[in-house]
Amino acid sequence: MSGFFTDGSAYERLMGRWSRLAGSAFIDWLALPAGLRWLDVGCGNGAFTEELIAKAAPAAVSAIDPSAGQLDFARTRAGVALAEFRQGDAQALPFGDDQFDVAVMALVIAFLPDPAKAVAEMARVVRPGGWIATYMWDGAGGGSPLAPLTAAARSLGMVSPGAPSPEASGLDAMRGYWTGAGLDAITTTVLRIPVVHDSFDAFWEANSLPVGPGGQMIERLSQADRERLRERLREHLTIGADGRIAYEARANAVKGRVPA
């Protein structure tokens, strides 16, 4: 997986608010019964894990991530006592066959070099009749919470390193991975999430944290280029009379069932 988002605390300030909203909407959409055994693949700093425990009433939760820093932060969350956190790779899950009722990836699939392999691995560790699901910000379609920063940077020829598999965030691509893994009852949806910042300075402070591709790009810029980017952002963003910035982010989601 990518080397982005290894600092759990910084990620919380950059994306945690929007990730929790998307995670909550995703769990509502899954509408699965209580008492299931869940696997959270690419759990990051535990924002989704905590939401899943609070909303889905699981019997057990295993959560893996390749980043020790993210896992250290995840373990500090108040609502994750039920979860077992483990360092691991989404493309080579450290579990035997048919161990879970549900496997999910929250905002992960575009950061995997081989998304199809990860989906096949999730299908392997979920029992027949169990569910596999994911959601991802629609980066290719301009739906990420970071989209205004990305657009402004590109307009100035400032290109940040992207996710290894950006096309994986599209609904058609997701459906293709689920079909390729032999899953049944495949359904997709679009989760729409309001993004609000109290001021331009609050937007800049959060989006320039060097934990994701955009923030790492900003960190490498000269002071003069940073100011150019700030001014271009002011042109791109719609700023309300009260100074607030508000727009909509979109996450694509897919779910499917392991054949019985």
Protein backbone atom coordinates (compact mmCIF):
# COMPACT_ATOMS: atom_id res chain seq x y z
CA MET A 1 0.00 0.00 0.00
CA SER A 2 0.93 3.67 -0.34
CA GLY A 3 3.16 5.45 2.13
CA PHE A 4 0.56 8.21 2.60
CA PHE A 5 -1.45 8.70 5.80
CA THR A 6 0.96 7.13 8.28
CA ASP A 7 0.36 9.75 11.03
CA GLY A 8 -2.94 8.94 12.72
CA SER A 9 -3.32 12.24 14.58
CA ALA A 10 -2.58 14.38 11.52
CA TYR A 11 -4.93 12.30 9.38
CA GLU A 12 -7.69 12.96 11.90
CA ARG A 13 -7.28 16.72 11.40
CA LEU A 14 -7.08 16.40 7.60
CA MET A 15 -9.78 13.84 6.78
CA GLY A 16 -11.18 12.32 9.97
CA ARG A 17 -14.34 14.45 10.09
CA TRP A 18 -15.37 13.62 6.54
CA SER A 19 -14.27 10.00 6.82
CA ARG A 20 -16.54 9.47 9.83
CA LEU A 21 -19.53 10.95 8.02
CA ALA A 22 -18.88 8.75 4.99
CA GLY A 23 -18.35 5.71 7.20
CA SER A 24 -21.61 6.28 9.02
CA ALA A 25 -23.52 6.59 5.74
CA PHE A 26 -21.79 3.46 4.42
CA ILE A 27 -22.78 1.38 7.46
CA ASP A 28 -26.37 2.59 7.17
CA TRP A 29 -26.38 1.57 3.50
CA LEU A 30 -24.99 -1.90 4.27
CA ALA A 31 -27.89 -2.46 6.70
CA LEU A 32 -26.44 -5.69 8.10
CA PRO A 33 -27.71 -7.40 11.25
CA ALA A 34 -26.02 -7.21 14.64
CA GLY A 35 -23.80 -9.95 16.02
CA LEU A 36 -21.56 -10.51 12.98
CA ARG A 37 -17.80 -11.04 12.78
CA TRP A 38 -16.28 -8.11 10.86
CA LEU A 39 -12.90 -7.56 9.21
CA ASP A 40 -11.84 -3.93 8.67
CA VAL A 41 -9.14 -3.95 5.96
CA GLY A 42 -6.89 -0.89 5.94
CA CYS A 43 -8.32 0.48 9.18
CA GLY A 44 -5.97 3.47 9.31
CA ASN A 45 -6.35 5.49 12.49
CA GLY A 46 -9.47 3.60 13.57
CA ALA A 47 -12.10 6.24 12.69
CA PHE A 48 -14.19 3.77 10.72
CA THR A 49 -13.51 0.92 13.15
CA GLU A 50 -14.93 2.97 16.01
CA GLU A 51 -17.97 3.97 13.93
CA LEU A 52 -18.60 0.36 12.91
CA ILE A 53 -18.52 -0.86 16.52
CA ALA A 54 -20.91 1.91 17.61
CA LYS A 55 -23.41 1.47 14.78
CA ALA A 56 -23.27 -2.17 13.62
CA ALA A 57 -23.16 -3.94 17.02
CA PRO A 58 -20.67 -6.59 15.83
CA ALA A 59 -19.82 -9.73 17.78
CA ALA A 60 -16.12 -9.30 16.97
CA VAL A 61 -13.91 -7.00 14.88
CA SER A 62 -10.46 -7.63 13.45
CA ALA A 63 -8.72 -4.61 11.90
CA ILE A 64 -5.50 -4.51 9.91
CA ASP A 65 -3.32 -1.75 8.48
CA PRO A 66 0.28 -1.65 7.20
CA SER A 67 1.12 1.49 9.22
CA ALA A 68 2.29 1.02 12.82
CA GLY A 69 1.75 4.74 13.45
CA GLN A 70 -1.87 4.58 12.36
CA LEU A 71 -2.47 1.48 14.46
CA ASP A 72 -0.91 3.10 17.53
CA PHE A 73 -3.37 5.98 17.18
CA ALA A 74 -6.31 3.64 16.51
CA ARG A 75 -5.71 1.77 19.76
CA THR A 76 -6.10 5.00 21.76
CA ARG A 77 -9.71 5.51 20.66
CA ALA A 78 -12.31 5.19 23.39
CA GLY A 79 -14.74 3.06 21.41
CA VAL A 80 -12.50 0.31 20.03
CA ALA A 81 -12.08 -2.06 22.99
CA LEU A 82 -13.85 -4.80 21.01
CA ALA A 83 -11.40 -4.57 18.10
CA GLU A 84 -8.24 -6.61 17.60
CA PHE A 85 -5.72 -4.48 15.67
CA ARG A 86 -2.97 -6.13 13.66
CA GLN A 87 -0.35 -4.95 11.18
CA GLY A 88 -1.00 -6.51 7.80
CA ASP A 89 -1.37 -6.23 4.04
CA ALA A 90 -4.76 -6.02 2.31
CA GLN A 91 -3.37 -8.02 -0.61
CA ALA A 92 -2.18 -10.90 1.62
CA LEU A 93 -4.57 -11.08 4.55
CA PRO A 94 -3.15 -12.88 7.61
CA PHE A 95 -6.28 -14.97 8.17
CA GLY A 96 -7.56 -18.39 7.19
CA ASP A 97 -10.51 -19.07 4.90
CA ASP A 98 -14.14 -18.39 5.91
CA GLN A 99 -13.29 -16.66 9.20
CA PHE A 100 -15.58 -13.62 8.93
CA ASP A 101 -19.17 -12.72 8.14
CA VAL A 102 -18.28 -9.34 6.63
CA ALA A 103 -15.09 -7.77 5.22
CA VAL A 104 -14.95 -4.07 4.41
CA MET A 105 -12.40 -1.57 3.12
CA ALA A 106 -12.98 2.05 4.11
CA LEU A 107 -11.31 4.60 1.79
CA VAL A 108 -8.56 2.15 0.83
CA ILE A 109 -9.07 0.58 -2.58
CA ALA A 110 -7.47 3.33 -4.70
CA PHE A 111 -4.30 3.14 -2.59
CA LEU A 112 -3.71 -0.53 -3.40
CA PRO A 113 -1.35 -1.48 -6.24
CA ASP A 114 -3.55 -4.51 -7.02
CA PRO A 115 -7.18 -3.88 -5.94
CA ALA A 116 -8.44 -7.10 -7.55
CA LYS A 117 -6.08 -9.15 -5.39
CA ALA A 118 -7.35 -7.46 -2.23
CA VAL A 119 -10.97 -8.10 -3.17
CA ALA A 120 -10.16 -11.76 -3.85
CA GLU A 121 -8.47 -11.96 -0.45
CA MET A 122 -11.52 -10.51 1.29
CA ALA A 123 -13.74 -13.03 -0.50
CA ARG A 124 -11.42 -15.82 0.65
CA VAL A 125 -11.63 -14.96 4.35
CA VAL A 126 -15.42 -14.41 4.38
CA ARG A 127 -17.75 -17.39 4.75
CA PRO A 128 -20.22 -18.36 2.01
CA GLY A 129 -23.22 -16.06 2.26
CA GLY A 130 -21.16 -13.31 3.88
CA TRP A 131 -20.63 -9.80 2.54
CA ILE A 132 -17.72 -7.87 0.97
CA ALA A 133 -17.95 -4.08 0.63
CA THR A 134 -15.93 -0.93 0.11
CA TYR A 135 -16.28 2.79 -0.39
CA MET A 136 -13.80 5.32 -1.78
CA TRP A 137 -13.83 9.05 -2.44
CA ASP A 138 -14.54 9.61 -6.13
CA GLY A 139 -11.13 11.12 -6.83
CA ALA A 140 -11.30 10.63 -10.59
CA GLY A 141 -14.69 12.36 -10.68
CA GLY A 142 -13.65 15.30 -8.51
CA GLY A 143 -15.56 14.08 -5.47
CA SER A 144 -12.77 13.96 -2.88
CA PRO A 145 -12.82 16.37 0.08
CA LEU A 146 -9.39 17.42 -1.26
CA ALA A 147 -10.74 18.18 -4.76
CA PRO A 148 -10.50 22.00 -4.53
CA LEU A 149 -6.83 21.80 -3.55
CA THR A 150 -6.10 19.29 -6.31
CA ALA A 151 -7.82 21.43 -8.96
CA ALA A 152 -6.06 24.62 -7.89
CA ALA A 153 -2.67 22.91 -7.85
CA ARG A 154 -3.17 21.40 -11.30
CA SER A 155 -4.15 24.78 -12.73
CA LEU A 156 -0.70 26.03 -11.69
CA GLY A 157 1.12 22.96 -13.01
CA MET A 158 1.73 21.66 -9.49
CA VAL A 159 1.13 17.93 -9.65
CA SER A 160 1.10 15.88 -6.47
CA PRO A 161 1.86 12.16 -6.42
CA GLY A 162 -1.41 10.29 -6.73
CA ALA A 163 -2.80 7.03 -5.45
CA PRO A 164 -1.46 3.89 -7.18
CA SER A 165 -4.90 2.93 -8.56
CA PRO A 166 -7.02 6.10 -8.96
CA GLU A 167 -9.35 4.39 -11.42
CA ALA A 168 -10.43 2.00 -8.64
CA SER A 169 -12.54 4.78 -7.09
CA GLY A 170 -15.05 4.63 -9.98
CA LEU A 171 -18.34 2.76 -9.69
CA ASP A 172 -17.75 0.79 -12.89
CA ALA A 173 -14.31 -0.28 -11.70
CA MET A 174 -15.65 -1.33 -8.32
CA ARG A 175 -18.40 -3.38 -9.90
CA GLY A 176 -15.78 -4.99 -12.14
CA TYR A 177 -13.63 -6.05 -9.18
CA TRP A 178 -16.65 -7.51 -7.38
CA THR A 179 -17.78 -9.36 -10.49
CA GLY A 180 -14.25 -10.62 -11.07
CA ALA A 181 -14.14 -12.04 -7.54
CA GLY A 182 -17.29 -14.07 -8.29
CA LEU A 183 -19.54 -12.22 -5.85
CA ASP A 184 -23.35 -12.24 -6.04
CA ALA A 185 -26.04 -9.61 -5.35
CA ILE A 186 -23.69 -6.76 -6.31
CA THR A 187 -25.06 -3.28 -5.58
CA THR A 188 -23.49 0.17 -5.82
CA THR A 189 -24.36 3.62 -4.49
CA VAL A 190 -22.99 7.15 -4.15
CA LEU A 191 -22.55 8.59 -0.64
CA ARG A 192 -22.82 12.40 -0.58
CA ILE A 193 -21.00 14.14 2.27
CA PRO A 194 -21.09 17.87 3.18
CA VAL A 195 -17.62 19.37 3.71
CA VAL A 196 -17.53 22.58 5.76
CA HIS A 197 -14.61 24.72 6.95
CA ASP A 198 -15.11 27.73 9.22
CA SER A 199 -12.69 29.92 7.25
CA PHE A 200 -10.15 29.94 4.45
CA ASP A 201 -7.34 29.69 7.00
CA ALA A 202 -8.99 26.62 8.56
CA PHE A 203 -9.28 25.05 5.08
CA TRP A 204 -5.62 25.74 4.31
CA GLU A 205 -4.36 24.52 7.68
CA ALA A 206 -6.17 21.20 7.38
CA ASN A 207 -5.41 20.57 3.70
CA SER A 208 -1.72 21.48 3.90
CA LEU A 209 -0.89 18.91 6.59
CA PRO A 210 1.90 16.74 5.09
CA VAL A 211 0.11 13.40 5.55
CA GLY A 212 -1.49 12.95 2.12
CA PRO A 213 -0.36 13.61 -1.45
CA GLY A 214 -1.61 17.21 -1.50
CA GLY A 215 -0.03 18.16 1.80
CA GLN A 216 3.26 16.50 0.89
CA MET A 217 3.30 18.48 -2.36
CA ILE A 218 2.73 21.74 -0.46
CA GLU A 219 5.53 20.92 1.96
CA ARG A 220 7.97 20.70 -0.99
CA LEU A 221 6.93 24.04 -2.49
CA SER A 222 8.89 27.25 -2.08
CA GLN A 223 7.28 29.97 0.02
CA ALA A 224 6.49 31.93 -3.14
CA ASP A 225 4.75 28.95 -4.76
CA ARG A 226 2.76 28.30 -1.60
CA GLU A 227 1.45 31.86 -1.75
CA ARG A 228 0.57 31.40 -5.44
CA LEU A 229 -1.37 28.27 -4.54
CA ARG A 230 -3.17 30.01 -1.67
CA GLU A 231 -4.30 32.80 -3.97
CA ARG A 232 -5.44 30.37 -6.65
CA LEU A 233 -7.41 28.46 -4.03
CA ARG A 234 -9.20 31.66 -3.04
CA GLU A 235 -10.26 31.98 -6.68
CA HIS A 236 -11.42 28.35 -6.90
CA LEU A 237 -13.34 28.18 -3.62
CA THR A 238 -16.78 29.60 -2.93
CA ILE A 239 -16.42 31.54 0.31
CA GLY A 240 -19.62 32.60 2.06
CA ALA A 241 -20.33 36.05 3.46
CA ASP A 242 -19.55 34.65 6.91
CA GLY A 243 -16.17 33.35 5.68
CA ARG A 244 -17.22 29.70 5.68
CA ILE A 245 -16.38 27.29 2.90
CA ALA A 246 -18.89 24.54 2.07
CA TYR A 247 -19.07 21.99 -0.74
CA GLU A 248 -20.07 18.36 -1.33
CA ALA A 249 -17.77 15.36 -1.41
CA ARG A 250 -18.82 12.06 -2.98
CA ALA A 251 -17.78 8.52 -2.18
CA ASN A 252 -18.61 5.54 -4.39
CA ALA A 253 -19.57 2.28 -2.67
CA VAL A 254 -20.11 -1.34 -3.66
CA LYS A 255 -21.23 -4.47 -1.84
CA GLY A 256 -21.61 -8.11 -2.85
CA ARG A 257 -22.21 -11.52 -1.30
CA VAL A 258 -19.91 -14.53 -1.28
CA PRO A 259 -21.79 -17.33 -3.11
CA ALA A 260 -23.33 -19.86 -0.75
